Amino acid sequence: MRLVLLGPPGSGKGTQATRLKEKLGIAHISTGDMLRAEIAAGSELGKQAKAVMDAGNLVSDDILLGMLESRLTQADVAKGFILDGYPRNVAQANAMDGLLAKIGQPLDAVVQLDVATELLVERIAGRAQEQGRADDNPEAVRQRLQVYNDQTAPVVDFYAGRGTLARVDGVGDLDEIEARILAAIKG
């Protein structure tokens, strides 16, 4: 199974990807986690990414695609993967489709987690307190939601046009949301 989870910041992509990884026995690939690891390591890429992320903006497509291509060659991805946080714009979706075609691993499904904006802000505020994530400060959150609406929301239409998109209600009990996703990708 090769799956993309889409949704605005705070929609539960990371939480559900972690659950689905266990259930499906496939790799969870989070570009956000990959970038935060680079930041924690203090690498040059990490320093560049930190400045961009702290401002609530998106890291360049070239950097992310390069990181993703490297990650997709690792052994744990052979059985499949869940992409969380990528693609974030139509250019990335097109580039990723080209990369996946090149390596012979086309997507099986794309799931959009739908959550109301008010609930997203509430969830992100709670996450910021729990995890102390600098990219979850109020100004960055507002900017990330605006960037999502401007750049990432069109990716939903991109995949809908290809017939690979399933929309899932991302509100409720975690088990219920997981069950909705599993029904959508197996249906």
N, C-alpha and C. Protein backbone atom coordinates (compact mmCIF):
# COMPACT_ATOMS: atom_id res chain seq x y z
N MET A 1 0.85 -1.18 0.00
CA MET A 1 0.00 0.00 0.00
C MET A 1 0.89 1.24 0.00
N ARG A 2 0.64 2.12 -0.96
CA ARG A 2 1.33 3.40 -1.04
C ARG A 2 0.27 4.48 -0.92
N LEU A 3 0.31 5.21 0.20
CA LEU A 3 -0.76 6.09 0.61
C LEU A 3 -0.24 7.48 0.94
N VAL A 4 -1.00 8.51 0.56
CA VAL A 4 -0.73 9.88 0.97
C VAL A 4 -1.86 10.34 1.87
N LEU A 5 -1.51 10.93 3.02
CA LEU A 5 -2.50 11.56 3.90
C LEU A 5 -2.39 13.06 3.72
N LEU A 6 -3.49 13.68 3.33
CA LEU A 6 -3.56 15.13 3.17
C LEU A 6 -4.47 15.70 4.24
N GLY A 7 -4.25 16.96 4.54
CA GLY A 7 -5.10 17.67 5.49
C GLY A 7 -4.34 18.85 6.03
N PRO A 8 -5.06 19.84 6.52
CA PRO A 8 -4.40 21.02 7.06
C PRO A 8 -3.61 20.69 8.33
N PRO A 9 -2.74 21.60 8.76
CA PRO A 9 -2.03 21.40 10.03
C PRO A 9 -3.05 21.15 11.15
N GLY A 10 -2.78 20.14 11.95
CA GLY A 10 -3.66 19.81 13.07
C GLY A 10 -4.79 18.87 12.72
N SER A 11 -4.84 18.38 11.49
CA SER A 11 -5.95 17.50 11.07
C SER A 11 -5.78 16.07 11.55
N GLY A 12 -4.60 15.72 12.05
CA GLY A 12 -4.39 14.37 12.57
C GLY A 12 -3.61 13.46 11.64
N LYS A 13 -2.98 14.03 10.60
CA LYS A 13 -2.22 13.21 9.65
C LYS A 13 -1.16 12.38 10.35
N GLY A 14 -0.36 13.01 11.18
CA GLY A 14 0.74 12.31 11.85
C GLY A 14 0.23 11.24 12.81
N THR A 15 -0.80 11.56 13.56
CA THR A 15 -1.38 10.60 14.50
C THR A 15 -1.91 9.38 13.75
N GLN A 16 -2.68 9.62 12.69
CA GLN A 16 -3.26 8.51 11.95
C GLN A 16 -2.18 7.74 11.17
N ALA A 17 -1.18 8.44 10.66
CA ALA A 17 -0.10 7.74 9.94
C ALA A 17 0.62 6.77 10.87
N THR A 18 0.85 7.19 12.11
CA THR A 18 1.51 6.32 13.09
C THR A 18 0.65 5.09 13.37
N ARG A 19 -0.64 5.27 13.50
CA ARG A 19 -1.55 4.15 13.75
C ARG A 19 -1.60 3.22 12.54
N LEU A 20 -1.71 3.81 11.34
CA LEU A 20 -1.81 3.01 10.12
C LEU A 20 -0.52 2.26 9.82
N LYS A 21 0.60 2.86 10.18
CA LYS A 21 1.90 2.19 9.99
C LYS A 21 1.88 0.84 10.70
N GLU A 22 1.41 0.83 11.93
CA GLU A 22 1.35 -0.41 12.71
C GLU A 22 0.34 -1.38 12.11
N LYS A 23 -0.83 -0.87 11.78
CA LYS A 23 -1.92 -1.71 11.27
C LYS A 23 -1.56 -2.34 9.92
N LEU A 24 -0.93 -1.55 9.03
CA LEU A 24 -0.66 -2.01 7.67
C LEU A 24 0.75 -2.58 7.49
N GLY A 25 1.63 -2.35 8.48
CA GLY A 25 3.00 -2.86 8.40
C GLY A 25 3.82 -2.20 7.31
N ILE A 26 3.62 -0.88 7.13
CA ILE A 26 4.37 -0.14 6.12
C ILE A 26 5.04 1.06 6.75
N ALA A 27 5.98 1.66 6.03
CA ALA A 27 6.76 2.78 6.54
C ALA A 27 5.92 4.06 6.60
N HIS A 28 6.17 4.86 7.64
CA HIS A 28 5.56 6.18 7.78
C HIS A 28 6.63 7.20 7.42
N ILE A 29 6.37 7.98 6.39
CA ILE A 29 7.33 8.99 5.96
C ILE A 29 6.71 10.36 6.19
N SER A 30 7.27 11.10 7.13
CA SER A 30 6.81 12.45 7.45
C SER A 30 7.89 13.44 7.06
N THR A 31 7.59 14.27 6.07
CA THR A 31 8.59 15.26 5.67
C THR A 31 8.85 16.24 6.82
N GLY A 32 7.82 16.53 7.62
CA GLY A 32 8.01 17.40 8.77
C GLY A 32 8.99 16.79 9.77
N ASP A 33 8.83 15.49 10.05
CA ASP A 33 9.76 14.81 10.96
C ASP A 33 11.17 14.78 10.37
N MET A 34 11.27 14.56 9.05
CA MET A 34 12.58 14.54 8.41
C MET A 34 13.25 15.91 8.56
N LEU A 35 12.49 16.97 8.36
CA LEU A 35 13.04 18.32 8.50
C LEU A 35 13.41 18.63 9.94
N ARG A 36 12.54 18.25 10.90
CA ARG A 36 12.85 18.51 12.31
C ARG A 36 14.11 17.75 12.73
N ALA A 37 14.34 16.56 12.17
CA ALA A 37 15.56 15.80 12.47
C ALA A 37 16.79 16.55 11.96
N GLU A 38 16.68 17.14 10.77
CA GLU A 38 17.78 17.93 10.23
C GLU A 38 18.05 19.15 11.11
N ILE A 39 16.98 19.78 11.60
CA ILE A 39 17.13 20.94 12.49
C ILE A 39 17.82 20.52 13.78
N ALA A 40 17.36 19.41 14.37
CA ALA A 40 17.95 18.92 15.63
C ALA A 40 19.43 18.58 15.44
N ALA A 41 19.77 18.07 14.24
CA ALA A 41 21.17 17.71 13.97
C ALA A 41 22.03 18.94 13.72
N GLY A 42 21.38 20.09 13.51
CA GLY A 42 22.13 21.32 13.26
C GLY A 42 22.79 21.38 11.89
N SER A 43 22.27 20.58 10.96
CA SER A 43 22.84 20.56 9.61
C SER A 43 22.55 21.87 8.89
N GLU A 44 23.26 22.11 7.81
CA GLU A 44 23.02 23.32 7.02
C GLU A 44 21.58 23.32 6.50
N LEU A 45 21.11 22.16 6.01
CA LEU A 45 19.72 22.04 5.58
C LEU A 45 18.79 22.36 6.74
N GLY A 46 19.11 21.86 7.91
CA GLY A 46 18.29 22.10 9.09
C GLY A 46 18.21 23.57 9.45
N LYS A 47 19.32 24.28 9.35
CA LYS A 47 19.33 25.71 9.65
C LYS A 47 18.46 26.48 8.66
N GLN A 48 18.57 26.13 7.39
CA GLN A 48 17.76 26.79 6.36
C GLN A 48 16.28 26.47 6.58
N ALA A 49 16.00 25.20 6.85
CA ALA A 49 14.61 24.79 7.05
C ALA A 49 14.00 25.44 8.28
N LYS A 50 14.78 25.57 9.35
CA LYS A 50 14.27 26.17 10.59
C LYS A 50 13.79 27.58 10.37
N ALA A 51 14.56 28.37 9.67
CA ALA A 51 14.17 29.76 9.42
C ALA A 51 12.86 29.83 8.63
N VAL A 52 12.76 28.98 7.63
CA VAL A 52 11.55 28.95 6.80
C VAL A 52 10.35 28.46 7.61
N MET A 53 10.52 27.37 8.36
CA MET A 53 9.42 26.78 9.12
C MET A 53 8.96 27.70 10.26
N ASP A 54 9.91 28.35 10.94
CA ASP A 54 9.54 29.24 12.04
C ASP A 54 8.70 30.41 11.56
N ALA A 55 8.86 30.77 10.30
CA ALA A 55 8.06 31.86 9.71
C ALA A 55 6.71 31.34 9.21
N GLY A 56 6.50 30.02 9.29
CA GLY A 56 5.24 29.44 8.85
C GLY A 56 5.18 29.17 7.36
N ASN A 57 6.32 29.21 6.69
CA ASN A 57 6.37 28.98 5.25
C ASN A 57 6.82 27.55 4.94
N LEU A 58 6.76 27.20 3.67
CA LEU A 58 7.12 25.85 3.23
C LEU A 58 8.55 25.79 2.73
N VAL A 59 9.23 24.71 3.04
CA VAL A 59 10.59 24.47 2.56
C VAL A 59 10.52 24.20 1.05
N SER A 60 11.58 24.53 0.33
CA SER A 60 11.56 24.45 -1.14
C SER A 60 11.26 23.04 -1.64
N ASP A 61 10.62 22.99 -2.80
CA ASP A 61 10.26 21.72 -3.43
C ASP A 61 11.48 20.86 -3.73
N ASP A 62 12.55 21.48 -4.21
CA ASP A 62 13.75 20.72 -4.57
C ASP A 62 14.34 20.00 -3.36
N ILE A 63 14.41 20.69 -2.23
CA ILE A 63 14.97 20.09 -1.01
C ILE A 63 14.10 18.91 -0.58
N LEU A 64 12.79 19.12 -0.54
CA LEU A 64 11.90 18.06 -0.09
C LEU A 64 11.90 16.86 -1.03
N LEU A 65 11.89 17.10 -2.34
CA LEU A 65 11.88 15.99 -3.29
C LEU A 65 13.18 15.19 -3.18
N GLY A 66 14.30 15.87 -3.01
CA GLY A 66 15.57 15.17 -2.83
C GLY A 66 15.57 14.31 -1.58
N MET A 67 15.05 14.86 -0.47
CA MET A 67 14.96 14.09 0.78
C MET A 67 14.04 12.89 0.59
N LEU A 68 12.92 13.10 -0.10
CA LEU A 68 11.96 12.02 -0.32
C LEU A 68 12.54 10.92 -1.20
N GLU A 69 13.22 11.30 -2.26
CA GLU A 69 13.81 10.30 -3.15
C GLU A 69 14.81 9.43 -2.39
N SER A 70 15.61 10.07 -1.56
CA SER A 70 16.57 9.32 -0.75
C SER A 70 15.85 8.36 0.20
N ARG A 71 14.78 8.84 0.81
CA ARG A 71 14.04 8.02 1.78
C ARG A 71 13.35 6.83 1.12
N LEU A 72 12.84 7.04 -0.10
CA LEU A 72 12.11 5.97 -0.78
C LEU A 72 13.02 4.82 -1.25
N THR A 73 14.32 5.00 -1.17
CA THR A 73 15.24 3.94 -1.56
C THR A 73 15.61 3.03 -0.37
N GLN A 74 15.15 3.38 0.82
CA GLN A 74 15.49 2.59 2.01
C GLN A 74 14.66 1.32 2.08
N ALA A 75 15.22 0.29 2.67
CA ALA A 75 14.64 -1.06 2.67
C ALA A 75 13.24 -1.13 3.28
N ASP A 76 12.98 -0.33 4.33
CA ASP A 76 11.68 -0.44 5.01
C ASP A 76 10.51 0.06 4.17
N VAL A 77 10.79 0.66 3.02
CA VAL A 77 9.75 1.20 2.16
C VAL A 77 9.29 0.17 1.11
N ALA A 78 9.98 -0.94 1.02
CA ALA A 78 9.69 -1.94 -0.02
C ALA A 78 8.24 -2.45 0.02
N LYS A 79 7.66 -2.58 1.23
CA LYS A 79 6.29 -3.08 1.36
C LYS A 79 5.24 -1.99 1.14
N GLY A 80 5.69 -0.74 1.11
CA GLY A 80 4.76 0.38 0.95
C GLY A 80 5.08 1.48 1.93
N PHE A 81 4.29 2.55 1.86
CA PHE A 81 4.55 3.71 2.71
C PHE A 81 3.30 4.56 2.87
N ILE A 82 3.34 5.36 3.91
CA ILE A 82 2.35 6.40 4.15
C ILE A 82 3.11 7.72 4.12
N LEU A 83 2.76 8.60 3.22
CA LEU A 83 3.36 9.92 3.17
C LEU A 83 2.49 10.88 3.95
N ASP A 84 3.09 11.59 4.86
CA ASP A 84 2.40 12.53 5.74
C ASP A 84 3.10 13.88 5.58
N GLY A 85 2.39 14.86 5.04
CA GLY A 85 2.97 16.19 4.89
C GLY A 85 3.56 16.45 3.52
N TYR A 86 3.36 15.58 2.59
CA TYR A 86 3.88 15.75 1.23
C TYR A 86 2.99 14.95 0.29
N PRO A 87 2.60 15.49 -0.84
CA PRO A 87 2.95 16.79 -1.41
C PRO A 87 2.11 17.93 -0.82
N ARG A 88 2.70 19.12 -0.84
CA ARG A 88 2.04 20.30 -0.29
C ARG A 88 1.59 21.29 -1.35
N ASN A 89 1.92 21.02 -2.59
CA ASN A 89 1.42 21.86 -3.67
C ASN A 89 1.37 21.01 -4.94
N VAL A 90 0.71 21.55 -5.96
CA VAL A 90 0.51 20.77 -7.18
C VAL A 90 1.84 20.46 -7.87
N ALA A 91 2.79 21.38 -7.82
CA ALA A 91 4.11 21.12 -8.42
C ALA A 91 4.77 19.92 -7.73
N GLN A 92 4.68 19.84 -6.40
CA GLN A 92 5.23 18.70 -5.67
C GLN A 92 4.48 17.42 -6.03
N ALA A 93 3.17 17.50 -6.19
CA ALA A 93 2.39 16.32 -6.56
C ALA A 93 2.83 15.79 -7.92
N ASN A 94 3.01 16.69 -8.88
CA ASN A 94 3.48 16.28 -10.20
C ASN A 94 4.89 15.69 -10.13
N ALA A 95 5.79 16.35 -9.37
CA ALA A 95 7.16 15.86 -9.23
C ALA A 95 7.18 14.50 -8.54
N MET A 96 6.36 14.35 -7.51
CA MET A 96 6.31 13.07 -6.80
C MET A 96 5.77 11.97 -7.70
N ASP A 97 4.73 12.28 -8.47
CA ASP A 97 4.21 11.27 -9.40
C ASP A 97 5.30 10.81 -10.37
N GLY A 98 6.11 11.75 -10.85
CA GLY A 98 7.22 11.40 -11.74
C GLY A 98 8.23 10.52 -11.04
N LEU A 99 8.57 10.87 -9.80
CA LEU A 99 9.52 10.08 -9.01
C LEU A 99 8.97 8.67 -8.77
N LEU A 100 7.71 8.57 -8.37
CA LEU A 100 7.12 7.26 -8.09
C LEU A 100 7.03 6.41 -9.36
N ALA A 101 6.75 7.04 -10.49
CA ALA A 101 6.73 6.30 -11.76
C ALA A 101 8.13 5.79 -12.08
N LYS A 102 9.12 6.63 -11.83
CA LYS A 102 10.52 6.26 -12.11
C LYS A 102 10.96 5.05 -11.30
N ILE A 103 10.49 4.97 -10.05
CA ILE A 103 10.90 3.86 -9.19
C ILE A 103 9.86 2.72 -9.19
N GLY A 104 8.82 2.85 -10.00
CA GLY A 104 7.82 1.79 -10.14
C GLY A 104 6.94 1.59 -8.93
N GLN A 105 6.63 2.68 -8.20
CA GLN A 105 5.78 2.58 -7.01
C GLN A 105 4.68 3.64 -7.04
N PRO A 106 3.72 3.53 -7.95
CA PRO A 106 2.65 4.54 -8.00
C PRO A 106 1.77 4.49 -6.76
N LEU A 107 1.11 5.59 -6.48
CA LEU A 107 0.22 5.67 -5.32
C LEU A 107 -0.99 4.77 -5.50
N ASP A 108 -1.42 4.18 -4.37
CA ASP A 108 -2.65 3.40 -4.35
C ASP A 108 -3.83 4.25 -3.93
N ALA A 109 -3.60 5.20 -3.01
CA ALA A 109 -4.71 6.01 -2.49
C ALA A 109 -4.18 7.31 -1.90
N VAL A 110 -5.07 8.31 -1.90
CA VAL A 110 -4.82 9.60 -1.27
C VAL A 110 -6.03 9.88 -0.39
N VAL A 111 -5.80 10.18 0.88
CA VAL A 111 -6.89 10.44 1.82
C VAL A 111 -6.76 11.87 2.33
N GLN A 112 -7.85 12.62 2.20
CA GLN A 112 -7.95 13.98 2.74
C GLN A 112 -8.70 13.91 4.06
N LEU A 113 -8.06 14.35 5.15
CA LEU A 113 -8.72 14.42 6.46
C LEU A 113 -9.39 15.78 6.59
N ASP A 114 -10.70 15.79 6.68
CA ASP A 114 -11.47 17.03 6.78
C ASP A 114 -11.75 17.38 8.24
N VAL A 115 -11.33 18.60 8.64
CA VAL A 115 -11.53 19.09 10.01
C VAL A 115 -11.83 20.59 9.92
N ALA A 116 -12.80 21.08 10.69
CA ALA A 116 -13.16 22.50 10.70
C ALA A 116 -12.00 23.34 11.23
N THR A 117 -11.85 24.55 10.71
CA THR A 117 -10.75 25.44 11.06
C THR A 117 -10.67 25.71 12.56
N GLU A 118 -11.81 25.96 13.21
CA GLU A 118 -11.80 26.27 14.64
C GLU A 118 -11.18 25.13 15.45
N LEU A 119 -11.52 23.90 15.07
CA LEU A 119 -10.97 22.74 15.76
C LEU A 119 -9.48 22.58 15.47
N LEU A 120 -9.06 22.91 14.25
CA LEU A 120 -7.63 22.85 13.91
C LEU A 120 -6.82 23.76 14.82
N VAL A 121 -7.28 24.99 14.99
CA VAL A 121 -6.56 25.96 15.83
C VAL A 121 -6.49 25.45 17.26
N GLU A 122 -7.59 24.88 17.75
CA GLU A 122 -7.62 24.33 19.11
C GLU A 122 -6.62 23.17 19.26
N ARG A 123 -6.62 22.26 18.28
CA ARG A 123 -5.70 21.12 18.32
C ARG A 123 -4.25 21.58 18.30
N ILE A 124 -3.93 22.52 17.43
CA ILE A 124 -2.55 22.98 17.30
C ILE A 124 -2.09 23.69 18.56
N ALA A 125 -2.97 24.47 19.18
CA ALA A 125 -2.61 25.15 20.44
C ALA A 125 -2.29 24.11 21.51
N GLY A 126 -3.07 23.03 21.58
CA GLY A 126 -2.80 21.97 22.54
C GLY A 126 -1.49 21.27 22.25
N ARG A 127 -1.21 21.03 20.97
CA ARG A 127 0.04 20.37 20.58
C ARG A 127 1.24 21.25 20.92
N ALA A 128 1.09 22.55 20.73
CA ALA A 128 2.19 23.48 21.02
C ALA A 128 2.55 23.41 22.50
N GLN A 129 1.52 23.35 23.35
CA GLN A 129 1.77 23.26 24.80
C GLN A 129 2.42 21.93 25.17
N GLU A 130 1.91 20.83 24.62
CA GLU A 130 2.41 19.49 24.95
C GLU A 130 3.83 19.27 24.46
N GLN A 131 4.10 19.66 23.20
CA GLN A 131 5.37 19.31 22.56
C GLN A 131 6.35 20.47 22.48
N GLY A 132 5.90 21.68 22.76
CA GLY A 132 6.78 22.84 22.68
C GLY A 132 7.33 23.09 21.29
N ARG A 133 6.54 22.83 20.26
CA ARG A 133 7.00 23.00 18.89
C ARG A 133 6.98 24.48 18.50
N ALA A 134 8.13 24.99 18.11
CA ALA A 134 8.25 26.40 17.73
C ALA A 134 7.39 26.73 16.52
N ASP A 135 7.18 25.76 15.62
CA ASP A 135 6.39 26.03 14.42
C ASP A 135 4.89 26.00 14.72
N ASP A 136 4.50 25.85 16.00
CA ASP A 136 3.10 25.88 16.39
C ASP A 136 2.76 27.16 17.16
N ASN A 137 3.56 28.22 17.04
CA ASN A 137 3.21 29.49 17.67
C ASN A 137 2.05 30.12 16.90
N PRO A 138 1.24 30.97 17.55
CA PRO A 138 0.01 31.48 16.91
C PRO A 138 0.22 32.14 15.54
N GLU A 139 1.25 32.95 15.40
CA GLU A 139 1.50 33.61 14.12
C GLU A 139 1.84 32.59 13.03
N ALA A 140 2.68 31.62 13.37
CA ALA A 140 3.06 30.59 12.41
C ALA A 140 1.86 29.71 12.05
N VAL A 141 0.99 29.43 13.03
CA VAL A 141 -0.19 28.62 12.76
C VAL A 141 -1.10 29.32 11.76
N ARG A 142 -1.35 30.61 11.98
CA ARG A 142 -2.20 31.36 11.05
C ARG A 142 -1.58 31.35 9.65
N GLN A 143 -0.27 31.54 9.59
CA GLN A 143 0.41 31.54 8.29
C GLN A 143 0.34 30.15 7.65
N ARG A 144 0.54 29.10 8.44
CA ARG A 144 0.50 27.73 7.89
C ARG A 144 -0.89 27.38 7.35
N LEU A 145 -1.94 27.81 8.06
CA LEU A 145 -3.30 27.55 7.56
C LEU A 145 -3.57 28.31 6.27
N GLN A 146 -3.07 29.55 6.19
CA GLN A 146 -3.23 30.33 4.96
C GLN A 146 -2.45 29.69 3.81
N VAL A 147 -1.22 29.25 4.08
CA VAL A 147 -0.42 28.58 3.06
C VAL A 147 -1.11 27.30 2.62
N TYR A 148 -1.68 26.56 3.58
CA TYR A 148 -2.40 25.34 3.23
C TYR A 148 -3.55 25.66 2.27
N ASN A 149 -4.35 26.65 2.63
CA ASN A 149 -5.49 27.00 1.79
C ASN A 149 -5.07 27.46 0.41
N ASP A 150 -3.97 28.20 0.33
CA ASP A 150 -3.51 28.73 -0.95
C ASP A 150 -2.81 27.67 -1.81
N GLN A 151 -1.97 26.86 -1.18
CA GLN A 151 -1.09 25.98 -1.94
C GLN A 151 -1.46 24.50 -1.87
N THR A 152 -1.86 24.02 -0.70
CA THR A 152 -2.07 22.58 -0.55
C THR A 152 -3.49 22.16 -0.90
N ALA A 153 -4.47 22.98 -0.61
CA ALA A 153 -5.84 22.60 -0.94
C ALA A 153 -6.01 22.23 -2.42
N PRO A 154 -5.33 22.91 -3.37
CA PRO A 154 -5.46 22.49 -4.77
C PRO A 154 -4.94 21.06 -5.04
N VAL A 155 -4.11 20.52 -4.17
CA VAL A 155 -3.62 19.15 -4.33
C VAL A 155 -4.79 18.17 -4.19
N VAL A 156 -5.76 18.53 -3.34
CA VAL A 156 -6.95 17.70 -3.17
C VAL A 156 -7.66 17.56 -4.52
N ASP A 157 -7.84 18.69 -5.21
CA ASP A 157 -8.48 18.67 -6.53
C ASP A 157 -7.64 17.88 -7.54
N PHE A 158 -6.32 18.01 -7.45
CA PHE A 158 -5.40 17.30 -8.34
C PHE A 158 -5.66 15.79 -8.25
N TYR A 159 -5.69 15.26 -7.03
CA TYR A 159 -5.90 13.82 -6.85
C TYR A 159 -7.35 13.41 -7.10
N ALA A 160 -8.29 14.28 -6.79
CA ALA A 160 -9.69 13.98 -7.10
C ALA A 160 -9.86 13.80 -8.60
N GLY A 161 -9.19 14.64 -9.38
CA GLY A 161 -9.25 14.54 -10.83
C GLY A 161 -8.65 13.25 -11.36
N ARG A 162 -7.75 12.65 -10.59
CA ARG A 162 -7.13 11.39 -11.00
C ARG A 162 -7.88 10.17 -10.46
N GLY A 163 -8.90 10.43 -9.66
CA GLY A 163 -9.71 9.33 -9.13
C GLY A 163 -9.07 8.57 -7.99
N THR A 164 -8.04 9.14 -7.35
CA THR A 164 -7.37 8.44 -6.25
C THR A 164 -7.69 9.03 -4.88
N LEU A 165 -8.55 10.05 -4.83
CA LEU A 165 -8.82 10.76 -3.57
C LEU A 165 -10.03 10.20 -2.85
N ALA A 166 -9.88 10.05 -1.52
CA ALA A 166 -11.00 9.74 -0.64
C ALA A 166 -11.02 10.81 0.44
N ARG A 167 -12.18 11.37 0.70
CA ARG A 167 -12.33 12.37 1.77
C ARG A 167 -12.84 11.63 3.00
N VAL A 168 -12.21 11.92 4.16
CA VAL A 168 -12.57 11.25 5.40
C VAL A 168 -12.77 12.30 6.48
N ASP A 169 -13.82 12.14 7.27
CA ASP A 169 -14.07 13.03 8.40
C ASP A 169 -12.97 12.78 9.44
N GLY A 170 -12.18 13.83 9.74
CA GLY A 170 -11.07 13.71 10.67
C GLY A 170 -11.42 14.09 12.09
N VAL A 171 -12.70 14.10 12.43
CA VAL A 171 -13.16 14.47 13.76
C VAL A 171 -13.78 13.26 14.44
N GLY A 172 -13.42 13.08 15.71
CA GLY A 172 -14.00 11.99 16.49
C GLY A 172 -12.94 11.19 17.19
N ASP A 173 -13.34 10.05 17.66
CA ASP A 173 -12.45 9.11 18.35
C ASP A 173 -11.37 8.63 17.37
N LEU A 174 -10.14 8.49 17.84
CA LEU A 174 -9.03 8.08 16.97
C LEU A 174 -9.30 6.74 16.29
N ASP A 175 -9.92 5.80 17.02
CA ASP A 175 -10.24 4.50 16.42
C ASP A 175 -11.26 4.65 15.29
N GLU A 176 -12.24 5.53 15.49
CA GLU A 176 -13.26 5.76 14.47
C GLU A 176 -12.64 6.37 13.21
N ILE A 177 -11.76 7.34 13.40
CA ILE A 177 -11.11 7.99 12.26
C ILE A 177 -10.26 6.96 11.51
N GLU A 178 -9.50 6.16 12.26
CA GLU A 178 -8.69 5.11 11.63
C GLU A 178 -9.56 4.15 10.83
N ALA A 179 -10.69 3.75 11.39
CA ALA A 179 -11.60 2.83 10.70
C ALA A 179 -12.13 3.47 9.40
N ARG A 180 -12.43 4.77 9.45
CA ARG A 180 -12.91 5.47 8.25
C ARG A 180 -11.83 5.45 7.16
N ILE A 181 -10.59 5.70 7.56
CA ILE A 181 -9.48 5.72 6.59
C ILE A 181 -9.31 4.32 5.98
N LEU A 182 -9.28 3.30 6.83
CA LEU A 182 -9.11 1.93 6.34
C LEU A 182 -10.24 1.54 5.39
N ALA A 183 -11.46 1.93 5.71
CA ALA A 183 -12.59 1.63 4.82
C ALA A 183 -12.42 2.36 3.48
N ALA A 184 -11.94 3.59 3.54
CA ALA A 184 -11.78 4.38 2.31
C ALA A 184 -10.69 3.81 1.41
N ILE A 185 -9.60 3.32 1.99
CA ILE A 185 -8.50 2.84 1.15
C ILE A 185 -8.70 1.40 0.69
N LYS A 186 -9.56 0.67 1.38
CA LYS A 186 -9.82 -0.71 0.98
C LYS A 186 -11.05 -0.81 0.09
N GLY A 187 -11.81 0.30 0.03
CA GLY A 187 -13.06 0.30 -0.74
C GLY A 187 -12.85 0.46 -2.17
